[in-house]
Amino acid sequence: MGRNNRSRKRRDEMNKIKKARYEAKELIRLKKTLGLLDADGNEIMKDISDVVEVKTSKEIKREAKSKEEQELIYEHQESLEKGEKVKVTNEKTGVEHVFNSKTLKDQYGNYPAWFKKKKTAKRLRKKQHSQKKNFKQAWTTVNVPL
């Protein structure tokens, strides 16, 4: 069954009028909260650039990318640093484990008992990602046949 469009058209027209009225009120309210208008409604600042720093989406993406790259470089440098060796004896078995303070692994390549598996997997993923990011194959960069 078809609907009557006449009432819908009227409703749309009224909603457009209402929307325009509310937009004007909302703009005034926003300007007051930003401090662009005083209590009487007079404009204090003309340019929005005095209040807010406007950036394009490309600039924001570039900043985020550079931030990620810096984090990866920092992680890579951390992985190159060597940690101290800490000796811990297991009370139950009496076996002595030598843990590296940087990697948290013992001489057998195992993590301590208190170390969580999810955290271990997350560390490994980050480490692999940073190594892939900084890896450059010699044959692609040096000897490229023409």
C-alpha atoms as a PDB file:
ATOM      1  CA  MET A   1       0.000   0.000   0.000  1.00  0.00           C
ATOM      2  CA  GLY A   2       1.256   3.439  -0.891  1.00  0.00           C
ATOM      3  CA  ARG A   3       1.726   6.210   1.633  1.00  0.00           C
ATOM      4  CA  ASN A   4       0.428   9.708   1.393  1.00  0.00           C
ATOM      5  CA  ASN A   5       3.365  11.956   0.411  1.00  0.00           C
ATOM      6  CA  ARG A   6       1.555  15.213   1.097  1.00  0.00           C
ATOM      7  CA  SER A   7       1.970  15.082   4.854  1.00  0.00           C
ATOM      8  CA  ARG A   8       5.565  13.884   4.518  1.00  0.00           C
ATOM      9  CA  LYS A   9       6.421  16.870   2.305  1.00  0.00           C
ATOM     10  CA  ARG A  10       4.915  19.279   4.817  1.00  0.00           C
ATOM     11  CA  ARG A  11       6.770  17.594   7.647  1.00  0.00           C
ATOM     12  CA  ASP A  12      10.072  17.852   5.730  1.00  0.00           C
ATOM     13  CA  GLU A  13       9.493  21.552   5.066  1.00  0.00           C
ATOM     14  CA  MET A  14       8.787  22.245   8.724  1.00  0.00           C
ATOM     15  CA  ASN A  15      11.830  20.248   9.768  1.00  0.00           C
ATOM     16  CA  LYS A  16      14.045  22.302   7.434  1.00  0.00           C
ATOM     17  CA  ILE A  17      12.798  25.515   9.020  1.00  0.00           C
ATOM     18  CA  LYS A  18      13.334  24.124  12.522  1.00  0.00           C
ATOM     19  CA  LYS A  19      16.817  22.893  11.604  1.00  0.00           C
ATOM     20  CA  ALA A  20      17.882  26.318  10.327  1.00  0.00           C
ATOM     21  CA  ARG A  21      16.613  27.973  13.517  1.00  0.00           C
ATOM     22  CA  TYR A  22      18.393  25.471  15.783  1.00  0.00           C
ATOM     23  CA  GLU A  23      21.647  25.691  13.794  1.00  0.00           C
ATOM     24  CA  ALA A  24      21.803  29.442  14.395  1.00  0.00           C
ATOM     25  CA  LYS A  25      21.225  28.980  18.132  1.00  0.00           C
ATOM     26  CA  GLU A  26      23.786  26.191  18.332  1.00  0.00           C
ATOM     27  CA  LEU A  27      26.408  28.292  16.543  1.00  0.00           C
ATOM     28  CA  ILE A  28      25.941  31.095  19.067  1.00  0.00           C
ATOM     29  CA  ARG A  29      26.217  28.604  21.945  1.00  0.00           C
ATOM     30  CA  LEU A  30      29.413  27.127  20.499  1.00  0.00           C
ATOM     31  CA  LYS A  31      30.974  30.545  20.017  1.00  0.00           C
ATOM     32  CA  LYS A  32      30.194  31.396  23.650  1.00  0.00           C
ATOM     33  CA  THR A  33      31.856  28.201  24.886  1.00  0.00           C
ATOM     34  CA  LEU A  34      34.961  28.888  22.782  1.00  0.00           C
ATOM     35  CA  GLY A  35      35.116  32.449  24.065  1.00  0.00           C
ATOM     36  CA  LEU A  36      34.481  34.098  20.712  1.00  0.00           C
ATOM     37  CA  LEU A  37      31.396  35.898  22.071  1.00  0.00           C
ATOM     38  CA  ASP A  38      30.953  37.745  25.342  1.00  0.00           C
ATOM     39  CA  ALA A  39      27.791  37.636  27.496  1.00  0.00           C
ATOM     40  CA  ASP A  40      26.080  40.381  25.461  1.00  0.00           C
ATOM     41  CA  GLY A  41      26.626  38.536  22.172  1.00  0.00           C
ATOM     42  CA  ASN A  42      29.381  40.785  20.778  1.00  0.00           C
ATOM     43  CA  GLU A  43      32.214  39.097  18.903  1.00  0.00           C
ATOM     44  CA  ILE A  44      35.592  39.232  20.633  1.00  0.00           C
ATOM     45  CA  MET A  45      37.807  37.465  18.085  1.00  0.00           C
ATOM     46  CA  LYS A  46      37.210  37.471  14.367  1.00  0.00           C
ATOM     47  CA  ASP A  47      39.470  34.627  13.212  1.00  0.00           C
ATOM     48  CA  ILE A  48      39.075  31.046  14.358  1.00  0.00           C
ATOM     49  CA  SER A  49      42.798  30.563  13.620  1.00  0.00           C
ATOM     50  CA  ASP A  50      43.544  32.538  16.807  1.00  0.00           C
ATOM     51  CA  VAL A  51      41.791  29.859  18.861  1.00  0.00           C
ATOM     52  CA  VAL A  52      42.375  26.603  16.978  1.00  0.00           C
ATOM     53  CA  GLU A  53      45.215  25.188  14.918  1.00  0.00           C
ATOM     54  CA  VAL A  54      43.712  23.831  11.709  1.00  0.00           C
ATOM     55  CA  LYS A  55      45.373  20.771  10.144  1.00  0.00           C
ATOM     56  CA  THR A  56      44.587  18.792   7.045  1.00  0.00           C
ATOM     57  CA  SER A  57      44.040  15.051   7.135  1.00  0.00           C
ATOM     58  CA  LYS A  58      47.346  14.488   5.328  1.00  0.00           C
ATOM     59  CA  GLU A  59      49.250  16.369   8.043  1.00  0.00           C
ATOM     60  CA  ILE A  60      47.559  14.356  10.790  1.00  0.00           C
ATOM     61  CA  LYS A  61      48.335  11.066   9.026  1.00  0.00           C
ATOM     62  CA  ARG A  62      51.949  12.142   8.452  1.00  0.00           C
ATOM     63  CA  GLU A  63      52.367  12.975  12.151  1.00  0.00           C
ATOM     64  CA  ALA A  64      50.862   9.646  13.221  1.00  0.00           C
ATOM     65  CA  LYS A  65      53.123   7.772  10.800  1.00  0.00           C
ATOM     66  CA  SER A  66      56.230   9.577  12.023  1.00  0.00           C
ATOM     67  CA  LYS A  67      55.226   8.830  15.614  1.00  0.00           C
ATOM     68  CA  GLU A  68      54.883   5.107  14.825  1.00  0.00           C
ATOM     69  CA  GLU A  69      58.246   5.115  13.044  1.00  0.00           C
ATOM     70  CA  GLN A  70      59.905   6.732  16.062  1.00  0.00           C
ATOM     71  CA  GLU A  71      58.403   4.090  18.353  1.00  0.00           C
ATOM     72  CA  LEU A  72      59.646   1.302  16.073  1.00  0.00           C
ATOM     73  CA  ILE A  73      63.135   2.816  15.922  1.00  0.00           C
ATOM     74  CA  TYR A  74      63.162   3.118  19.717  1.00  0.00           C
ATOM     75  CA  GLU A  75      62.093  -0.535  20.087  1.00  0.00           C
ATOM     76  CA  HIS A  76      64.775  -1.611  17.622  1.00  0.00           C
ATOM     77  CA  GLN A  77      67.430   0.304  19.550  1.00  0.00           C
ATOM     78  CA  GLU A  78      66.176  -1.241  22.777  1.00  0.00           C
ATOM     79  CA  SER A  79      66.466  -4.703  21.270  1.00  0.00           C
ATOM     80  CA  LEU A  80      70.100  -3.994  20.334  1.00  0.00           C
ATOM     81  CA  GLU A  81      70.983  -3.036  23.908  1.00  0.00           C
ATOM     82  CA  LYS A  82      72.203  -5.871  26.097  1.00  0.00           C
ATOM     83  CA  GLY A  83      70.647  -6.393  29.503  1.00  0.00           C
ATOM     84  CA  GLU A  84      72.142  -7.548  32.773  1.00  0.00           C
ATOM     85  CA  LYS A  85      72.236 -11.217  33.702  1.00  0.00           C
ATOM     86  CA  VAL A  86      70.368 -12.129  36.870  1.00  0.00           C
ATOM     87  CA  LYS A  87      70.760 -15.541  38.519  1.00  0.00           C
ATOM     88  CA  VAL A  88      67.687 -17.084  40.102  1.00  0.00           C
ATOM     89  CA  THR A  89      67.464 -20.539  41.689  1.00  0.00           C
ATOM     90  CA  ASN A  90      64.235 -22.492  41.572  1.00  0.00           C
ATOM     91  CA  GLU A  91      63.245 -23.482  45.123  1.00  0.00           C
ATOM     92  CA  LYS A  92      61.448 -26.694  44.117  1.00  0.00           C
ATOM     93  CA  THR A  93      63.925 -28.167  41.641  1.00  0.00           C
ATOM     94  CA  GLY A  94      67.114 -26.409  42.708  1.00  0.00           C
ATOM     95  CA  VAL A  95      67.986 -25.524  39.077  1.00  0.00           C
ATOM     96  CA  GLU A  96      69.775 -22.216  38.584  1.00  0.00           C
ATOM     97  CA  HIS A  97      68.377 -19.991  35.814  1.00  0.00           C
ATOM     98  CA  VAL A  98      70.292 -17.040  34.389  1.00  0.00           C
ATOM     99  CA  PHE A  99      67.761 -14.438  33.212  1.00  0.00           C
ATOM    100  CA  ASN A 100      68.557 -11.555  30.913  1.00  0.00           C
ATOM    101  CA  SER A 101      66.964  -8.389  32.323  1.00  0.00           C
ATOM    102  CA  LYS A 102      66.347  -7.013  28.828  1.00  0.00           C
ATOM    103  CA  THR A 103      64.696  -9.965  27.088  1.00  0.00           C
ATOM    104  CA  LEU A 104      63.465 -11.655  30.315  1.00  0.00           C
ATOM    105  CA  LYS A 105      64.547 -15.026  28.905  1.00  0.00           C
ATOM    106  CA  ASP A 106      66.717 -17.529  30.715  1.00  0.00           C
ATOM    107  CA  GLN A 107      69.645 -19.467  29.238  1.00  0.00           C
ATOM    108  CA  TYR A 108      67.193 -22.031  27.818  1.00  0.00           C
ATOM    109  CA  GLY A 109      65.147 -19.381  26.004  1.00  0.00           C
ATOM    110  CA  ASN A 110      62.146 -19.653  28.331  1.00  0.00           C
ATOM    111  CA  TYR A 111      60.293 -16.816  29.995  1.00  0.00           C
ATOM    112  CA  PRO A 112      59.777 -16.785  33.781  1.00  0.00           C
ATOM    113  CA  ALA A 113      56.719 -18.461  35.309  1.00  0.00           C
ATOM    114  CA  TRP A 114      55.078 -15.169  36.267  1.00  0.00           C
ATOM    115  CA  PHE A 115      55.297 -13.832  32.711  1.00  0.00           C
ATOM    116  CA  LYS A 116      51.936 -13.924  30.920  1.00  0.00           C
ATOM    117  CA  LYS A 117      51.588 -15.741  27.590  1.00  0.00           C
ATOM    118  CA  LYS A 118      49.565 -12.973  25.927  1.00  0.00           C
ATOM    119  CA  LYS A 119      52.169 -10.416  26.896  1.00  0.00           C
ATOM    120  CA  THR A 120      54.907 -12.682  25.551  1.00  0.00           C
ATOM    121  CA  ALA A 121      53.116 -13.050  22.217  1.00  0.00           C
ATOM    122  CA  LYS A 122      52.571  -9.297  22.038  1.00  0.00           C
ATOM    123  CA  ARG A 123      56.268  -8.606  22.663  1.00  0.00           C
ATOM    124  CA  LEU A 124      57.260 -11.103  19.975  1.00  0.00           C
ATOM    125  CA  ARG A 125      54.868  -9.548  17.438  1.00  0.00           C
ATOM    126  CA  LYS A 126      56.226  -6.076  18.141  1.00  0.00           C
ATOM    127  CA  LYS A 127      59.808  -7.309  17.888  1.00  0.00           C
ATOM    128  CA  GLN A 128      59.176  -9.074  14.575  1.00  0.00           C
ATOM    129  CA  HIS A 129      57.371  -6.024  13.193  1.00  0.00           C
ATOM    130  CA  SER A 130      60.251  -3.699  14.097  1.00  0.00           C
ATOM    131  CA  GLN A 131      62.776  -6.099  12.556  1.00  0.00           C
ATOM    132  CA  LYS A 132      60.777  -6.321   9.315  1.00  0.00           C
ATOM    133  CA  LYS A 133      60.439  -2.532   9.203  1.00  0.00           C
ATOM    134  CA  ASN A 134      64.200  -1.965   9.450  1.00  0.00           C
ATOM    135  CA  PHE A 135      65.226  -4.889   7.232  1.00  0.00           C
ATOM    136  CA  LYS A 136      66.732  -4.037   3.831  1.00  0.00           C
ATOM    137  CA  GLN A 137      67.810  -6.803   1.486  1.00  0.00           C
ATOM    138  CA  ALA A 138      71.244  -6.276   0.018  1.00  0.00           C
ATOM    139  CA  TRP A 139      70.388  -7.573  -3.431  1.00  0.00           C
ATOM    140  CA  THR A 140      67.504  -5.106  -3.860  1.00  0.00           C
ATOM    141  CA  THR A 141      69.408  -2.035  -2.713  1.00  0.00           C
ATOM    142  CA  VAL A 142      72.910  -2.688  -4.045  1.00  0.00           C
ATOM    143  CA  ASN A 143      73.050  -4.885  -7.137  1.00  0.00           C
ATOM    144  CA  VAL A 144      70.004  -4.268  -9.270  1.00  0.00           C
ATOM    145  CA  PRO A 145      70.475  -5.634 -12.801  1.00  0.00           C
ATOM    146  CA  LEU A 146      69.263  -3.378 -15.605  1.00  0.00           C
END
